[in-house]
């Protein structure tokens, strides 16, 4: 007598007309489907996911709307600026043409600059997150699986990066780094070279947490039966790393990526305050907030709008990361 597979089990329920039992199939769910079911039950995570999706849509649509003429982040409107360099009117220049008012001193549309600023902040945060995750995952897998002197070297290198002052590197090496990008690598000067410098520094100095997390996971996975089976079949180390171990690490990698994004958005805003990030007239959320500090008392909306947007984005990404972590961990407390 053979056992019936789980996905072929049937539940018998009596027919209401008495014609006999009715068979109802019971289907099994994959781990991914179970995780999505748990995630959808978390209302806070669903709201955070909706905000994150809107953030991505806004970032992607920004340059398109500028090209179509719907947004105009660069044109000045001096006729809307009073003698005190503040927007004329009682509501900071708010009108149908400028829903969030105009920029003090220059008169550029605040909504257009914030909308396009989302695009540049999105590019910086995504690019830096990808670099940090890729470096951390590769070094974590190699370190955890190899052990011995390889693990020791990667561990000490990670400690060195953690001890290195990133902010001082950005401040002291910005001129040298920009010169290397523009003169040696022939990167166009301006917003592209400035943004690329910030991306490289954030990415190359932000992988340490991912490396240690992945190393701990690999130390457990390398003793599993499927890794022993791959060794017995003569699989190379590279195949074991990226074909056997990496598919079992996508859950912590995904959660880590969602936590890197808000960290780098906040870091870009902080670097803009220090004058290291992309400089005006190219808008980012960081340099808009930096310029708004001067007019925080006279034009509160110009300061509040980018600050509130950064706070909402950071909180949403953090809630999304927490929700994904709980959904992907079936042993976690819910």
C-alpha atoms as a PDB file:
ATOM      1  CA  UNK A   1       0.000   0.000   0.000  1.00  0.00           C
ATOM      2  CA  UNK A   2       1.496   3.312  -1.094  1.00  0.00           C
ATOM      3  CA  UNK A   3       1.160   6.588   0.767  1.00  0.00           C
ATOM      4  CA  UNK A   4      -0.938   9.317  -0.795  1.00  0.00           C
ATOM      5  CA  UNK A   5       0.998  12.557  -1.534  1.00  0.00           C
ATOM      6  CA  UNK A   6       0.049  15.577   0.546  1.00  0.00           C
ATOM      7  CA  UNK A   7      -1.070  17.600  -2.452  1.00  0.00           C
ATOM      8  CA  UNK A   8      -3.420  14.797  -3.541  1.00  0.00           C
ATOM      9  CA  UNK A   9      -5.220  14.393  -0.234  1.00  0.00           C
ATOM     10  CA  UNK A  10      -8.954  14.914  -0.412  1.00  0.00           C
ATOM     11  CA  UNK A  11     -11.513  16.063   2.048  1.00  0.00           C
ATOM     12  CA  UNK A  12     -14.895  14.359   1.844  1.00  0.00           C
ATOM     13  CA  UNK A  13     -18.018  16.371   2.615  1.00  0.00           C
ATOM     14  CA  UNK A  14     -21.590  15.047   2.295  1.00  0.00           C
ATOM     15  CA  UNK A  15     -23.745  16.347  -0.544  1.00  0.00           C
ATOM     16  CA  UNK A  16     -26.823  18.290   0.638  1.00  0.00           C
ATOM     17  CA  UNK A  17     -29.120  16.217  -1.614  1.00  0.00           C
ATOM     18  CA  UNK A  18     -27.891  12.959  -0.094  1.00  0.00           C
ATOM     19  CA  UNK A  19     -26.289  11.641  -3.294  1.00  0.00           C
ATOM     20  CA  UNK A  20     -23.072  10.748  -1.508  1.00  0.00           C
ATOM     21  CA  UNK A  21     -19.833  12.391  -0.395  1.00  0.00           C
ATOM     22  CA  UNK A  22     -18.257  15.205  -2.396  1.00  0.00           C
ATOM     23  CA  UNK A  23     -14.479  15.273  -2.774  1.00  0.00           C
ATOM     24  CA  UNK A  24     -12.653  18.570  -2.191  1.00  0.00           C
ATOM     25  CA  UNK A  25      -8.966  18.691  -3.052  1.00  0.00           C
ATOM     26  CA  UNK A  26      -6.497  20.067  -0.527  1.00  0.00           C
ATOM     27  CA  UNK A  27      -3.570  21.837  -2.204  1.00  0.00           C
ATOM     28  CA  UNK A  28      -0.247  22.574  -0.559  1.00  0.00           C
ATOM     29  CA  UNK A  29       1.230  26.084  -0.449  1.00  0.00           C
ATOM     30  CA  UNK A  30       4.811  26.985  -1.248  1.00  0.00           C
ATOM     31  CA  UNK A  31       6.954  28.824   1.330  1.00  0.00           C
ATOM     32  CA  UNK A  32       6.765  31.955  -0.822  1.00  0.00           C
ATOM     33  CA  UNK A  33       2.966  31.861  -0.898  1.00  0.00           C
ATOM     34  CA  UNK A  34       2.826  31.314   2.855  1.00  0.00           C
ATOM     35  CA  UNK A  35       5.182  34.250   3.396  1.00  0.00           C
ATOM     36  CA  UNK A  36       3.061  36.513   1.191  1.00  0.00           C
ATOM     37  CA  UNK A  37      -0.046  35.438   3.110  1.00  0.00           C
ATOM     38  CA  UNK A  38       1.587  36.368   6.409  1.00  0.00           C
ATOM     39  CA  UNK A  39       2.817  39.653   4.934  1.00  0.00           C
ATOM     40  CA  UNK A  40      -0.650  40.655   3.684  1.00  0.00           C
ATOM     41  CA  UNK A  41      -2.069  40.173   7.155  1.00  0.00           C
ATOM     42  CA  UNK A  42       0.263  42.885   8.506  1.00  0.00           C
ATOM     43  CA  UNK A  43      -1.571  46.157   7.823  1.00  0.00           C
ATOM     44  CA  UNK A  44       1.350  48.389   8.762  1.00  0.00           C
ATOM     45  CA  UNK A  45       3.627  46.592   6.313  1.00  0.00           C
ATOM     46  CA  UNK A  46       1.023  46.816   3.560  1.00  0.00           C
ATOM     47  CA  UNK A  47       0.657  50.574   4.067  1.00  0.00           C
ATOM     48  CA  UNK A  48       4.442  50.928   4.109  1.00  0.00           C
ATOM     49  CA  UNK A  49       4.698  48.874   0.901  1.00  0.00           C
ATOM     50  CA  UNK A  50       2.149  51.152  -0.783  1.00  0.00           C
ATOM     51  CA  UNK A  51       4.168  54.248   0.189  1.00  0.00           C
ATOM     52  CA  UNK A  52       7.388  52.633  -1.061  1.00  0.00           C
ATOM     53  CA  UNK A  53       5.741  51.765  -4.379  1.00  0.00           C
ATOM     54  CA  UNK A  54       4.526  55.366  -4.729  1.00  0.00           C
ATOM     55  CA  UNK A  55       8.066  56.558  -3.949  1.00  0.00           C
ATOM     56  CA  UNK A  56       9.472  54.422  -6.765  1.00  0.00           C
ATOM     57  CA  UNK A  57       6.762  55.574  -9.179  1.00  0.00           C
ATOM     58  CA  UNK A  58       7.445  59.213  -8.308  1.00  0.00           C
ATOM     59  CA  UNK A  59      11.189  58.722  -8.732  1.00  0.00           C
ATOM     60  CA  UNK A  60      10.819  57.061 -12.129  1.00  0.00           C
ATOM     61  CA  UNK A  61       8.244  59.535 -13.426  1.00  0.00           C
ATOM     62  CA  UNK A  62      10.168  62.665 -12.347  1.00  0.00           C
ATOM     63  CA  UNK A  63      12.457  63.038 -15.406  1.00  0.00           C
ATOM     64  CA  UNK A  64       9.583  62.073 -17.712  1.00  0.00           C
ATOM     65  CA  UNK A  65       7.332  64.804 -16.308  1.00  0.00           C
ATOM     66  CA  UNK A  66      10.178  67.323 -16.582  1.00  0.00           C
ATOM     67  CA  UNK A  67      10.744  66.366 -20.225  1.00  0.00           C
ATOM     68  CA  UNK A  68       7.020  66.723 -20.934  1.00  0.00           C
ATOM     69  CA  UNK A  69       6.941  70.158 -19.308  1.00  0.00           C
ATOM     70  CA  UNK A  70       4.592  69.151 -16.512  1.00  0.00           C
ATOM     71  CA  UNK A  71       7.285  69.861 -13.905  1.00  0.00           C
ATOM     72  CA  UNK A  72       9.609  72.853 -14.102  1.00  0.00           C
ATOM     73  CA  UNK A  73      12.258  72.676 -11.358  1.00  0.00           C
ATOM     74  CA  UNK A  74      14.703  75.189 -12.836  1.00  0.00           C
ATOM     75  CA  UNK A  75      12.751  78.240 -13.999  1.00  0.00           C
ATOM     76  CA  UNK A  76      12.830  81.232 -11.665  1.00  0.00           C
ATOM     77  CA  UNK A  77       9.874  83.435 -10.755  1.00  0.00           C
ATOM     78  CA  UNK A  78      11.332  86.614  -9.303  1.00  0.00           C
ATOM     79  CA  UNK A  79       7.973  88.338  -9.503  1.00  0.00           C
ATOM     80  CA  UNK A  80       6.737  85.983  -6.756  1.00  0.00           C
ATOM     81  CA  UNK A  81       9.566  86.945  -4.354  1.00  0.00           C
ATOM     82  CA  UNK A  82       9.223  89.908  -2.034  1.00  0.00           C
ATOM     83  CA  UNK A  83      11.905  92.341  -0.804  1.00  0.00           C
ATOM     84  CA  UNK A  84      12.708  90.046   2.128  1.00  0.00           C
ATOM     85  CA  UNK A  85      13.550  87.156  -0.288  1.00  0.00           C
ATOM     86  CA  UNK A  86      10.421  85.300   0.864  1.00  0.00           C
ATOM     87  CA  UNK A  87       7.452  84.354  -1.350  1.00  0.00           C
ATOM     88  CA  UNK A  88       4.769  86.991  -1.534  1.00  0.00           C
ATOM     89  CA  UNK A  89       1.401  86.256   0.040  1.00  0.00           C
ATOM     90  CA  UNK A  90       0.271  84.744   3.312  1.00  0.00           C
ATOM     91  CA  UNK A  91       0.778  81.087   2.347  1.00  0.00           C
ATOM     92  CA  UNK A  92       4.398  81.010   1.104  1.00  0.00           C
ATOM     93  CA  UNK A  93       3.424  81.513  -2.533  1.00  0.00           C
ATOM     94  CA  UNK A  94       0.959  78.610  -2.713  1.00  0.00           C
ATOM     95  CA  UNK A  95      -1.260  78.740  -5.794  1.00  0.00           C
ATOM     96  CA  UNK A  96      -2.745  76.450  -8.430  1.00  0.00           C
ATOM     97  CA  UNK A  97       0.454  76.865 -10.434  1.00  0.00           C
ATOM     98  CA  UNK A  98       2.686  76.206  -7.387  1.00  0.00           C
ATOM     99  CA  UNK A  99       0.866  73.808  -4.981  1.00  0.00           C
ATOM    100  CA  UNK A 100       3.747  73.845  -2.472  1.00  0.00           C
ATOM    101  CA  UNK A 101       4.789  77.422  -3.057  1.00  0.00           C
ATOM    102  CA  UNK A 102       8.015  78.716  -4.525  1.00  0.00           C
ATOM    103  CA  UNK A 103      11.597  78.629  -3.339  1.00  0.00           C
ATOM    104  CA  UNK A 104      12.645  81.678  -1.291  1.00  0.00           C
ATOM    105  CA  UNK A 105      15.157  83.976  -2.931  1.00  0.00           C
ATOM    106  CA  UNK A 106      14.894  82.425  -6.411  1.00  0.00           C
ATOM    107  CA  UNK A 107      11.249  81.543  -6.969  1.00  0.00           C
ATOM    108  CA  UNK A 108      11.609  78.025  -8.377  1.00  0.00           C
ATOM    109  CA  UNK A 109       8.631  75.691  -7.973  1.00  0.00           C
ATOM    110  CA  UNK A 110       9.017  73.688  -4.759  1.00  0.00           C
ATOM    111  CA  UNK A 111       6.843  70.743  -5.839  1.00  0.00           C
ATOM    112  CA  UNK A 112       8.823  70.274  -9.060  1.00  0.00           C
ATOM    113  CA  UNK A 113      12.146  70.367  -7.240  1.00  0.00           C
ATOM    114  CA  UNK A 114      11.017  67.917  -4.556  1.00  0.00           C
ATOM    115  CA  UNK A 115       9.559  65.578  -7.191  1.00  0.00           C
ATOM    116  CA  UNK A 116      12.776  65.579  -9.232  1.00  0.00           C
ATOM    117  CA  UNK A 117      14.792  65.409  -6.015  1.00  0.00           C
ATOM    118  CA  UNK A 118      13.107  62.084  -5.261  1.00  0.00           C
ATOM    119  CA  UNK A 119      14.580  60.760  -8.518  1.00  0.00           C
ATOM    120  CA  UNK A 120      18.165  61.627  -7.642  1.00  0.00           C
ATOM    121  CA  UNK A 121      17.808  60.392  -4.055  1.00  0.00           C
ATOM    122  CA  UNK A 122      16.298  57.155  -5.395  1.00  0.00           C
ATOM    123  CA  UNK A 123      19.189  56.641  -7.814  1.00  0.00           C
ATOM    124  CA  UNK A 124      21.776  57.258  -5.088  1.00  0.00           C
ATOM    125  CA  UNK A 125      20.117  54.992  -2.520  1.00  0.00           C
ATOM    126  CA  UNK A 126      19.395  52.101  -4.922  1.00  0.00           C
ATOM    127  CA  UNK A 127      22.847  52.161  -6.500  1.00  0.00           C
ATOM    128  CA  UNK A 128      24.654  52.332  -3.163  1.00  0.00           C
ATOM    129  CA  UNK A 129      22.425  49.574  -1.733  1.00  0.00           C
ATOM    130  CA  UNK A 130      23.146  47.261  -4.676  1.00  0.00           C
ATOM    131  CA  UNK A 131      26.900  47.789  -4.321  1.00  0.00           C
ATOM    132  CA  UNK A 132      26.810  47.212  -0.557  1.00  0.00           C
ATOM    133  CA  UNK A 133      24.613  44.101  -0.813  1.00  0.00           C
ATOM    134  CA  UNK A 134      26.658  42.518  -3.617  1.00  0.00           C
ATOM    135  CA  UNK A 135      29.970  43.051  -1.825  1.00  0.00           C
ATOM    136  CA  UNK A 136      28.563  41.902   1.521  1.00  0.00           C
ATOM    137  CA  UNK A 137      26.917  38.774   0.091  1.00  0.00           C
ATOM    138  CA  UNK A 138      29.986  37.681  -1.894  1.00  0.00           C
ATOM    139  CA  UNK A 139      32.434  38.225   0.973  1.00  0.00           C
ATOM    140  CA  UNK A 140      30.020  36.685   3.487  1.00  0.00           C
ATOM    141  CA  UNK A 141      29.574  33.516   1.420  1.00  0.00           C
ATOM    142  CA  UNK A 142      33.284  33.136   0.726  1.00  0.00           C
ATOM    143  CA  UNK A 143      34.222  33.834   4.338  1.00  0.00           C
ATOM    144  CA  UNK A 144      31.621  31.577   5.913  1.00  0.00           C
ATOM    145  CA  UNK A 145      32.117  28.643   3.546  1.00  0.00           C
ATOM    146  CA  UNK A 146      35.917  28.724   3.321  1.00  0.00           C
ATOM    147  CA  UNK A 147      36.758  29.308   6.980  1.00  0.00           C
ATOM    148  CA  UNK A 148      40.386  29.235   8.106  1.00  0.00           C
ATOM    149  CA  UNK A 149      42.709  31.972   6.974  1.00  0.00           C
ATOM    150  CA  UNK A 150      40.201  33.276   4.402  1.00  0.00           C
ATOM    151  CA  UNK A 151      37.610  33.821   7.113  1.00  0.00           C
ATOM    152  CA  UNK A 152      40.215  35.486   9.317  1.00  0.00           C
ATOM    153  CA  UNK A 153      41.343  37.909   6.593  1.00  0.00           C
ATOM    154  CA  UNK A 154      37.781  38.881   5.656  1.00  0.00           C
ATOM    155  CA  UNK A 155      36.907  39.329   9.331  1.00  0.00           C
ATOM    156  CA  UNK A 156      39.842  41.629  10.016  1.00  0.00           C
ATOM    157  CA  UNK A 157      39.156  43.589   6.824  1.00  0.00           C
ATOM    158  CA  UNK A 158      35.539  44.033   7.953  1.00  0.00           C
ATOM    159  CA  UNK A 159      36.744  45.330  11.329  1.00  0.00           C
ATOM    160  CA  UNK A 160      39.016  47.801   9.543  1.00  0.00           C
ATOM    161  CA  UNK A 161      36.168  49.149   7.408  1.00  0.00           C
ATOM    162  CA  UNK A 162      33.941  49.477  10.482  1.00  0.00           C
ATOM    163  CA  UNK A 163      36.640  51.489  12.255  1.00  0.00           C
ATOM    164  CA  UNK A 164      37.231  53.787   9.280  1.00  0.00           C
ATOM    165  CA  UNK A 165      35.576  57.237   9.565  1.00  0.00           C
ATOM    166  CA  UNK A 166      33.396  57.443   6.449  1.00  0.00           C
ATOM    167  CA  UNK A 167      32.324  61.049   6.988  1.00  0.00           C
ATOM    168  CA  UNK A 168      35.911  62.245   7.257  1.00  0.00           C
ATOM    169  CA  UNK A 169      36.762  60.316   4.100  1.00  0.00           C
ATOM    170  CA  UNK A 170      33.974  62.059   2.221  1.00  0.00           C
ATOM    171  CA  UNK A 171      34.971  65.486   3.474  1.00  0.00           C
ATOM    172  CA  UNK A 172      38.721  65.065   3.007  1.00  0.00           C
ATOM    173  CA  UNK A 173      38.664  63.022  -0.169  1.00  0.00           C
ATOM    174  CA  UNK A 174      35.812  64.620  -2.066  1.00  0.00           C
ATOM    175  CA  UNK A 175      38.044  66.897  -4.127  1.00  0.00           C
ATOM    176  CA  UNK A 176      40.488  64.067  -4.903  1.00  0.00           C
ATOM    177  CA  UNK A 177      37.711  61.602  -5.689  1.00  0.00           C
ATOM    178  CA  UNK A 178      35.908  64.028  -7.977  1.00  0.00           C
ATOM    179  CA  UNK A 179      39.182  64.811  -9.751  1.00  0.00           C
ATOM    180  CA  UNK A 180      39.831  61.098 -10.348  1.00  0.00           C
ATOM    181  CA  UNK A 181      36.308  60.585 -11.701  1.00  0.00           C
ATOM    182  CA  UNK A 182      36.346  63.595 -14.017  1.00  0.00           C
ATOM    183  CA  UNK A 183      39.973  63.629 -15.211  1.00  0.00           C
ATOM    184  CA  UNK A 184      41.014  59.965 -15.078  1.00  0.00           C
ATOM    185  CA  UNK A 185      37.733  58.139 -15.719  1.00  0.00           C
ATOM    186  CA  UNK A 186      36.276  61.003 -17.839  1.00  0.00           C
ATOM    187  CA  UNK A 187      33.000  61.119 -15.954  1.00  0.00           C
ATOM    188  CA  UNK A 188      31.034  64.289 -16.840  1.00  0.00           C
ATOM    189  CA  UNK A 189      31.617  66.984 -14.252  1.00  0.00           C
ATOM    190  CA  UNK A 190      28.714  68.207 -12.166  1.00  0.00           C
ATOM    191  CA  UNK A 191      25.787  66.255 -10.769  1.00  0.00           C
ATOM    192  CA  UNK A 192      26.865  62.944 -12.365  1.00  0.00           C
ATOM    193  CA  UNK A 193      30.375  62.911 -10.886  1.00  0.00           C
ATOM    194  CA  UNK A 194      29.159  64.189  -7.499  1.00  0.00           C
ATOM    195  CA  UNK A 195      26.397  61.598  -7.310  1.00  0.00           C
ATOM    196  CA  UNK A 196      28.720  58.790  -8.445  1.00  0.00           C
ATOM    197  CA  UNK A 197      31.261  59.718  -5.775  1.00  0.00           C
ATOM    198  CA  UNK A 198      28.618  59.548  -3.040  1.00  0.00           C
ATOM    199  CA  UNK A 199      27.309  56.217  -4.407  1.00  0.00           C
ATOM    200  CA  UNK A 200      30.760  54.622  -4.449  1.00  0.00           C
ATOM    201  CA  UNK A 201      31.681  55.770  -0.960  1.00  0.00           C
ATOM    202  CA  UNK A 202      28.361  54.725   0.590  1.00  0.00           C
ATOM    203  CA  UNK A 203      28.405  51.386  -1.239  1.00  0.00           C
ATOM    204  CA  UNK A 204      32.024  50.440  -0.578  1.00  0.00           C
ATOM    205  CA  UNK A 205      31.813  51.337   3.100  1.00  0.00           C
ATOM    206  CA  UNK A 206      28.304  50.047   3.834  1.00  0.00           C
ATOM    207  CA  UNK A 207      28.601  46.305   3.196  1.00  0.00           C
ATOM    208  CA  UNK A 208      29.949  45.212   6.590  1.00  0.00           C
ATOM    209  CA  UNK A 209      26.599  44.429   8.212  1.00  0.00           C
ATOM    210  CA  UNK A 210      25.504  42.279   5.269  1.00  0.00           C
ATOM    211  CA  UNK A 211      28.831  40.430   5.265  1.00  0.00           C
ATOM    212  CA  UNK A 212      28.534  39.419   8.909  1.00  0.00           C
ATOM    213  CA  UNK A 213      24.868  38.456   8.549  1.00  0.00           C
ATOM    214  CA  UNK A 214      25.493  36.266   5.483  1.00  0.00           C
ATOM    215  CA  UNK A 215      28.577  34.693   7.067  1.00  0.00           C
ATOM    216  CA  UNK A 216      26.515  33.575  10.046  1.00  0.00           C
ATOM    217  CA  UNK A 217      23.877  32.067   7.754  1.00  0.00           C
ATOM    218  CA  UNK A 218      26.487  30.255   5.652  1.00  0.00           C
ATOM    219  CA  UNK A 219      28.161  28.752   8.720  1.00  0.00           C
ATOM    220  CA  UNK A 220      24.882  26.931   9.348  1.00  0.00           C
ATOM    221  CA  UNK A 221      24.060  26.083   5.727  1.00  0.00           C
ATOM    222  CA  UNK A 222      27.457  24.615   4.853  1.00  0.00           C
ATOM    223  CA  UNK A 223      26.787  21.639   7.158  1.00  0.00           C
ATOM    224  CA  UNK A 224      23.481  20.774   5.451  1.00  0.00           C
ATOM    225  CA  UNK A 225      22.954  17.645   3.373  1.00  0.00           C
ATOM    226  CA  UNK A 226      22.516  19.398   0.032  1.00  0.00           C
ATOM    227  CA  UNK A 227      25.973  20.956   0.360  1.00  0.00           C
ATOM    228  CA  UNK A 228      27.511  17.550   1.167  1.00  0.00           C
ATOM    229  CA  UNK A 229      25.694  16.085  -1.839  1.00  0.00           C
ATOM    230  CA  UNK A 230      27.092  18.838  -4.090  1.00  0.00           C
ATOM    231  CA  UNK A 231      30.604  18.074  -2.838  1.00  0.00           C
ATOM    232  CA  UNK A 232      30.154  14.347  -3.505  1.00  0.00           C
ATOM    233  CA  UNK A 233      29.076  15.074  -7.069  1.00  0.00           C
ATOM    234  CA  UNK A 234      32.254  17.103  -7.591  1.00  0.00           C
ATOM    235  CA  UNK A 235      30.715  20.571  -7.709  1.00  0.00           C
ATOM    236  CA  UNK A 236      33.212  23.436  -7.691  1.00  0.00           C
ATOM    237  CA  UNK A 237      33.339  25.987  -4.898  1.00  0.00           C
ATOM    238  CA  UNK A 238      31.919  28.662  -7.164  1.00  0.00           C
ATOM    239  CA  UNK A 239      28.936  26.475  -8.005  1.00  0.00           C
ATOM    240  CA  UNK A 240      28.339  25.683  -4.321  1.00  0.00           C
ATOM    241  CA  UNK A 241      28.582  29.376  -3.441  1.00  0.00           C
ATOM    242  CA  UNK A 242      26.207  30.752  -6.061  1.00  0.00           C
ATOM    243  CA  UNK A 243      24.049  27.768  -7.073  1.00  0.00           C
ATOM    244  CA  UNK A 244      23.557  25.987  -3.749  1.00  0.00           C
ATOM    245  CA  UNK A 245      24.049  28.549  -0.967  1.00  0.00           C
ATOM    246  CA  UNK A 246      22.898  31.830  -2.545  1.00  0.00           C
ATOM    247  CA  UNK A 247      19.314  30.668  -3.359  1.00  0.00           C
ATOM    248  CA  UNK A 248      18.879  29.862   0.344  1.00  0.00           C
ATOM    249  CA  UNK A 249      19.959  33.381   1.363  1.00  0.00           C
ATOM    250  CA  UNK A 250      17.496  35.495  -0.609  1.00  0.00           C
ATOM    251  CA  UNK A 251      15.284  36.193   2.426  1.00  0.00           C
ATOM    252  CA  UNK A 252      17.963  37.935   4.583  1.00  0.00           C
ATOM    253  CA  UNK A 253      19.369  39.638   1.478  1.00  0.00           C
ATOM    254  CA  UNK A 254      15.943  41.081   0.611  1.00  0.00           C
ATOM    255  CA  UNK A 255      15.383  42.314   4.157  1.00  0.00           C
ATOM    256  CA  UNK A 256      18.864  43.820   4.287  1.00  0.00           C
ATOM    257  CA  UNK A 257      18.273  45.671   1.016  1.00  0.00           C
ATOM    258  CA  UNK A 258      15.061  47.240   2.339  1.00  0.00           C
ATOM    259  CA  UNK A 259      16.962  48.421   5.410  1.00  0.00           C
ATOM    260  CA  UNK A 260      19.882  49.825   3.406  1.00  0.00           C
ATOM    261  CA  UNK A 261      17.610  52.046   1.315  1.00  0.00           C
ATOM    262  CA  UNK A 262      16.411  54.333   4.148  1.00  0.00           C
ATOM    263  CA  UNK A 263      19.884  54.415   5.670  1.00  0.00           C
ATOM    264  CA  UNK A 264      21.401  55.712   2.443  1.00  0.00           C
ATOM    265  CA  UNK A 265      18.552  58.185   1.874  1.00  0.00           C
ATOM    266  CA  UNK A 266      19.278  59.662   5.297  1.00  0.00           C
ATOM    267  CA  UNK A 267      23.021  59.529   4.619  1.00  0.00           C
ATOM    268  CA  UNK A 268      22.596  61.467   1.368  1.00  0.00           C
ATOM    269  CA  UNK A 269      20.606  64.128   3.213  1.00  0.00           C
ATOM    270  CA  UNK A 270      23.313  64.380   5.888  1.00  0.00           C
ATOM    271  CA  UNK A 271      26.083  64.586   3.286  1.00  0.00           C
ATOM    272  CA  UNK A 272      24.196  67.326   1.451  1.00  0.00           C
ATOM    273  CA  UNK A 273      24.141  69.303   4.694  1.00  0.00           C
ATOM    274  CA  UNK A 274      27.948  68.939   4.790  1.00  0.00           C
ATOM    275  CA  UNK A 275      28.210  70.078   1.166  1.00  0.00           C
ATOM    276  CA  UNK A 276      29.513  66.771  -0.202  1.00  0.00           C
ATOM    277  CA  UNK A 277      26.505  65.417  -2.104  1.00  0.00           C
ATOM    278  CA  UNK A 278      24.984  66.614  -5.381  1.00  0.00           C
ATOM    279  CA  UNK A 279      24.950  70.403  -5.402  1.00  0.00           C
ATOM    280  CA  UNK A 280      22.254  72.779  -6.651  1.00  0.00           C
ATOM    281  CA  UNK A 281      20.736  73.578  -9.077  1.00  0.00           C
ATOM    282  CA  UNK A 282      20.309  69.793  -9.433  1.00  0.00           C
ATOM    283  CA  UNK A 283      17.765  68.966  -6.729  1.00  0.00           C
ATOM    284  CA  UNK A 284      17.994  66.142  -4.220  1.00  0.00           C
ATOM    285  CA  UNK A 285      15.991  65.798  -1.032  1.00  0.00           C
ATOM    286  CA  UNK A 286      19.181  66.434   0.894  1.00  0.00           C
ATOM    287  CA  UNK A 287      20.283  69.688  -0.731  1.00  0.00           C
ATOM    288  CA  UNK A 288      16.689  71.006  -0.772  1.00  0.00           C
ATOM    289  CA  UNK A 289      16.505  70.442   2.981  1.00  0.00           C
ATOM    290  CA  UNK A 290      19.932  72.027   3.390  1.00  0.00           C
ATOM    291  CA  UNK A 291      18.862  75.164   1.530  1.00  0.00           C
ATOM    292  CA  UNK A 292      15.562  75.294   3.437  1.00  0.00           C
ATOM    293  CA  UNK A 293      17.263  75.512   6.831  1.00  0.00           C
ATOM    294  CA  UNK A 294      18.104  79.155   6.158  1.00  0.00           C
ATOM    295  CA  UNK A 295      14.408  79.981   5.687  1.00  0.00           C
ATOM    296  CA  UNK A 296      12.982  77.625   8.327  1.00  0.00           C
ATOM    297  CA  UNK A 297      11.342  80.460  10.266  1.00  0.00           C
ATOM    298  CA  UNK A 298      10.235  82.661   7.380  1.00  0.00           C
ATOM    299  CA  UNK A 299       9.031  79.878   5.030  1.00  0.00           C
ATOM    300  CA  UNK A 300       8.116  76.915   7.206  1.00  0.00           C
ATOM    301  CA  UNK A 301       6.530  74.897   4.367  1.00  0.00           C
ATOM    302  CA  UNK A 302       9.736  74.967   2.307  1.00  0.00           C
ATOM    303  CA  UNK A 303      11.551  73.380   5.268  1.00  0.00           C
ATOM    304  CA  UNK A 304       8.768  71.065   6.400  1.00  0.00           C
ATOM    305  CA  UNK A 305       7.918  69.464   3.018  1.00  0.00           C
ATOM    306  CA  UNK A 306      11.290  67.770   2.267  1.00  0.00           C
ATOM    307  CA  UNK A 307      11.898  66.942   5.945  1.00  0.00           C
ATOM    308  CA  UNK A 308       8.474  65.293   6.280  1.00  0.00           C
ATOM    309  CA  UNK A 309       8.949  63.397   3.012  1.00  0.00           C
ATOM    310  CA  UNK A 310      12.338  62.023   4.094  1.00  0.00           C
ATOM    311  CA  UNK A 311      10.875  60.958   7.435  1.00  0.00           C
ATOM    312  CA  UNK A 312       7.907  59.199   5.778  1.00  0.00           C
ATOM    313  CA  UNK A 313      10.150  57.367   3.293  1.00  0.00           C
ATOM    314  CA  UNK A 314      12.611  56.221   5.964  1.00  0.00           C
ATOM    315  CA  UNK A 315       9.864  55.001   8.307  1.00  0.00           C
ATOM    316  CA  UNK A 316       8.077  53.211   5.450  1.00  0.00           C
ATOM    317  CA  UNK A 317      11.199  51.351   4.366  1.00  0.00           C
ATOM    318  CA  UNK A 318      11.937  50.336   7.956  1.00  0.00           C
ATOM    319  CA  UNK A 319       8.378  49.053   8.474  1.00  0.00           C
ATOM    320  CA  UNK A 320       8.561  47.207   5.158  1.00  0.00           C
ATOM    321  CA  UNK A 321      11.831  45.569   6.184  1.00  0.00           C
ATOM    322  CA  UNK A 322      10.391  44.523   9.545  1.00  0.00           C
ATOM    323  CA  UNK A 323       7.301  43.109   7.854  1.00  0.00           C
ATOM    324  CA  UNK A 324       9.342  41.128   5.336  1.00  0.00           C
ATOM    325  CA  UNK A 325      11.569  39.785   8.086  1.00  0.00           C
ATOM    326  CA  UNK A 326       8.550  38.545  10.087  1.00  0.00           C
ATOM    327  CA  UNK A 327       6.857  37.103   6.994  1.00  0.00           C
ATOM    328  CA  UNK A 328       9.930  35.260   5.799  1.00  0.00           C
ATOM    329  CA  UNK A 329      10.734  33.827   9.229  1.00  0.00           C
ATOM    330  CA  UNK A 330       8.107  31.173  10.044  1.00  0.00           C
ATOM    331  CA  UNK A 331       9.659  30.610  13.473  1.00  0.00           C
ATOM    332  CA  UNK A 332       9.412  34.258  14.486  1.00  0.00           C
ATOM    333  CA  UNK A 333       6.898  35.499  17.025  1.00  0.00           C
ATOM    334  CA  UNK A 334       3.905  37.222  15.453  1.00  0.00           C
END
